[in-house]
Amino acid sequence: MLRIKKKNGQSVIEYMVLIIVVIGALLAMGSYVKRGFQGRWKSSVDDLGDQYDPRVANTEIRHTLDITTNTQIQVFDTFSEGSYTRRLDETISTEKKAGFIEVGEY
């Protein structure tokens, strides 16, 4: 009977070659996959619309400030009988500002 010896070294080399081929294929496909992701990302960002550029912007500013102030002053004179001063002030003011800022490049 003929006995065939197993060649363990040969099978290890075959597995290593197979792993190297798979890694090489993944590295070669990496740039294509990367470009695919970048294309989808750019498409998604472009669908959002125009982006804000601080160098070229038109801005409308509206500012409203409402203030109400109540002041009450009471002074009692204890040296004379029944003499006092009472003062009540109420101030209501509204301040409105509107403006437009345009910034552009030369």
C-alpha atoms as a PDB file:
ATOM      1  CA  MET A   1       0.000   0.000   0.000  1.00  0.00           C
ATOM      2  CA  LEU A   2       1.102   3.429  -0.790  1.00  0.00           C
ATOM      3  CA  ARG A   3       0.987   5.943   1.929  1.00  0.00           C
ATOM      4  CA  ILE A   4       0.548   9.605   1.036  1.00  0.00           C
ATOM      5  CA  LYS A   5       2.023  12.030   3.497  1.00  0.00           C
ATOM      6  CA  LYS A   6       0.084  15.177   4.344  1.00  0.00           C
ATOM      7  CA  LYS A   7       1.884  18.317   3.446  1.00  0.00           C
ATOM      8  CA  ASN A   8       1.025  20.807   6.161  1.00  0.00           C
ATOM      9  CA  GLY A   9       3.477  23.407   4.914  1.00  0.00           C
ATOM     10  CA  GLN A  10       1.885  23.508   1.497  1.00  0.00           C
ATOM     11  CA  SER A  11      -1.635  24.117   2.863  1.00  0.00           C
ATOM     12  CA  VAL A  12      -0.376  26.962   5.096  1.00  0.00           C
ATOM     13  CA  ILE A  13       1.234  28.632   2.082  1.00  0.00           C
ATOM     14  CA  GLU A  14      -1.989  28.215   0.090  1.00  0.00           C
ATOM     15  CA  TYR A  15      -4.014  29.888   2.873  1.00  0.00           C
ATOM     16  CA  MET A  16      -1.501  32.727   3.087  1.00  0.00           C
ATOM     17  CA  VAL A  17      -1.691  33.311  -0.675  1.00  0.00           C
ATOM     18  CA  LEU A  18      -5.485  33.288  -0.482  1.00  0.00           C
ATOM     19  CA  ILE A  19      -5.468  35.831   2.383  1.00  0.00           C
ATOM     20  CA  ILE A  20      -3.009  38.071   0.489  1.00  0.00           C
ATOM     21  CA  VAL A  21      -5.230  37.964  -2.615  1.00  0.00           C
ATOM     22  CA  VAL A  22      -8.337  38.874  -0.578  1.00  0.00           C
ATOM     23  CA  ILE A  23      -6.525  41.761   1.183  1.00  0.00           C
ATOM     24  CA  GLY A  24      -5.232  43.004  -2.179  1.00  0.00           C
ATOM     25  CA  ALA A  25      -8.743  42.928  -3.631  1.00  0.00           C
ATOM     26  CA  LEU A  26     -10.103  44.876  -0.642  1.00  0.00           C
ATOM     27  CA  LEU A  27      -7.348  47.482  -0.956  1.00  0.00           C
ATOM     28  CA  ALA A  28      -8.008  47.850  -4.677  1.00  0.00           C
ATOM     29  CA  MET A  29     -11.759  48.298  -4.068  1.00  0.00           C
ATOM     30  CA  GLY A  30     -11.167  50.771  -1.222  1.00  0.00           C
ATOM     31  CA  SER A  31     -10.785  53.807  -3.450  1.00  0.00           C
ATOM     32  CA  TYR A  32     -13.998  52.947  -5.343  1.00  0.00           C
ATOM     33  CA  VAL A  33     -15.937  52.472  -2.114  1.00  0.00           C
ATOM     34  CA  LYS A  34     -14.513  55.715  -0.724  1.00  0.00           C
ATOM     35  CA  ARG A  35     -15.542  57.645  -3.849  1.00  0.00           C
ATOM     36  CA  GLY A  36     -19.025  56.116  -3.645  1.00  0.00           C
ATOM     37  CA  PHE A  37     -19.465  57.292  -0.040  1.00  0.00           C
ATOM     38  CA  GLN A  38     -18.149  60.760  -0.908  1.00  0.00           C
ATOM     39  CA  GLY A  39     -20.566  61.008  -3.846  1.00  0.00           C
ATOM     40  CA  ARG A  40     -23.550  60.085  -1.705  1.00  0.00           C
ATOM     41  CA  TRP A  41     -22.471  62.510   1.031  1.00  0.00           C
ATOM     42  CA  LYS A  42     -22.084  65.356  -1.486  1.00  0.00           C
ATOM     43  CA  SER A  43     -25.484  64.561  -2.991  1.00  0.00           C
ATOM     44  CA  SER A  44     -27.113  64.655   0.449  1.00  0.00           C
ATOM     45  CA  VAL A  45     -25.482  67.992   1.312  1.00  0.00           C
ATOM     46  CA  ASP A  46     -26.427  69.493  -2.056  1.00  0.00           C
ATOM     47  CA  ASP A  47     -30.056  68.531  -1.426  1.00  0.00           C
ATOM     48  CA  LEU A  48     -30.042  70.736   1.686  1.00  0.00           C
ATOM     49  CA  GLY A  49     -29.858  73.868  -0.486  1.00  0.00           C
ATOM     50  CA  ASP A  50     -27.618  76.902  -0.509  1.00  0.00           C
ATOM     51  CA  GLN A  51     -25.208  77.079   2.362  1.00  0.00           C
ATOM     52  CA  TYR A  52     -24.504  80.168   4.459  1.00  0.00           C
ATOM     53  CA  ASP A  53     -21.395  82.082   3.467  1.00  0.00           C
ATOM     54  CA  PRO A  54     -20.433  84.821   5.949  1.00  0.00           C
ATOM     55  CA  ARG A  55     -18.418  86.660   3.286  1.00  0.00           C
ATOM     56  CA  VAL A  56     -21.482  87.139   1.065  1.00  0.00           C
ATOM     57  CA  ALA A  57     -24.578  87.589   3.204  1.00  0.00           C
ATOM     58  CA  ASN A  58     -27.594  89.868   3.419  1.00  0.00           C
ATOM     59  CA  THR A  59     -29.020  90.169   6.904  1.00  0.00           C
ATOM     60  CA  GLU A  60     -32.070  92.019   8.155  1.00  0.00           C
ATOM     61  CA  ILE A  61     -31.968  93.034  11.813  1.00  0.00           C
ATOM     62  CA  ARG A  62     -34.991  93.835  13.953  1.00  0.00           C
ATOM     63  CA  HIS A  63     -34.600  94.791  17.583  1.00  0.00           C
ATOM     64  CA  THR A  64     -37.451  95.606  19.977  1.00  0.00           C
ATOM     65  CA  LEU A  65     -36.963  96.584  23.606  1.00  0.00           C
ATOM     66  CA  ASP A  66     -39.952  97.122  25.931  1.00  0.00           C
ATOM     67  CA  ILE A  67     -39.311  98.638  29.347  1.00  0.00           C
ATOM     68  CA  THR A  68     -41.802  99.359  32.123  1.00  0.00           C
ATOM     69  CA  THR A  69     -40.537 101.035  35.284  1.00  0.00           C
ATOM     70  CA  ASN A  70     -42.521 101.813  38.441  1.00  0.00           C
ATOM     71  CA  THR A  71     -40.946 104.080  41.051  1.00  0.00           C
ATOM     72  CA  GLN A  72     -42.598 104.855  44.374  1.00  0.00           C
ATOM     73  CA  ILE A  73     -41.008 107.192  46.885  1.00  0.00           C
ATOM     74  CA  GLN A  74     -42.503 107.809  50.348  1.00  0.00           C
ATOM     75  CA  VAL A  75     -40.888 110.095  52.884  1.00  0.00           C
ATOM     76  CA  PHE A  76     -42.310 110.537  56.385  1.00  0.00           C
ATOM     77  CA  ASP A  77     -41.176 113.350  58.619  1.00  0.00           C
ATOM     78  CA  THR A  78     -41.285 112.216  62.230  1.00  0.00           C
ATOM     79  CA  PHE A  79     -40.403 115.628  63.697  1.00  0.00           C
ATOM     80  CA  SER A  80     -43.483 117.446  62.480  1.00  0.00           C
ATOM     81  CA  GLU A  81     -46.934 116.050  62.780  1.00  0.00           C
ATOM     82  CA  GLY A  82     -48.543 114.536  59.716  1.00  0.00           C
ATOM     83  CA  SER A  83     -46.065 115.765  57.112  1.00  0.00           C
ATOM     84  CA  TYR A  84     -45.130 113.325  54.385  1.00  0.00           C
ATOM     85  CA  THR A  85     -44.191 113.230  50.720  1.00  0.00           C
ATOM     86  CA  ARG A  86     -45.431 110.586  48.370  1.00  0.00           C
ATOM     87  CA  ARG A  87     -44.420 110.249  44.755  1.00  0.00           C
ATOM     88  CA  LEU A  88     -45.399 107.562  42.211  1.00  0.00           C
ATOM     89  CA  ASP A  89     -43.784 107.489  38.774  1.00  0.00           C
ATOM     90  CA  GLU A  90     -44.562 105.046  35.989  1.00  0.00           C
ATOM     91  CA  THR A  91     -42.470 105.045  32.843  1.00  0.00           C
ATOM     92  CA  ILE A  92     -43.304 102.923  29.816  1.00  0.00           C
ATOM     93  CA  SER A  93     -40.952 103.057  26.854  1.00  0.00           C
ATOM     94  CA  THR A  94     -40.581 101.062  23.679  1.00  0.00           C
ATOM     95  CA  GLU A  95     -37.470 101.166  21.541  1.00  0.00           C
ATOM     96  CA  LYS A  96     -37.523  99.700  18.057  1.00  0.00           C
ATOM     97  CA  LYS A  97     -34.585  99.407  15.706  1.00  0.00           C
ATOM     98  CA  ALA A  98     -34.542  97.989  12.215  1.00  0.00           C
ATOM     99  CA  GLY A  99     -31.593  97.705   9.908  1.00  0.00           C
ATOM    100  CA  PHE A 100     -30.056  95.939   6.983  1.00  0.00           C
ATOM    101  CA  ILE A 101     -26.491  94.721   6.645  1.00  0.00           C
ATOM    102  CA  GLU A 102     -25.032  93.716   3.310  1.00  0.00           C
ATOM    103  CA  VAL A 103     -21.608  92.125   3.105  1.00  0.00           C
ATOM    104  CA  GLY A 104     -19.988  91.223  -0.174  1.00  0.00           C
ATOM    105  CA  GLU A 105     -16.727  90.351  -1.816  1.00  0.00           C
ATOM    106  CA  TYR A 106     -14.846  92.511  -4.256  1.00  0.00           C
END
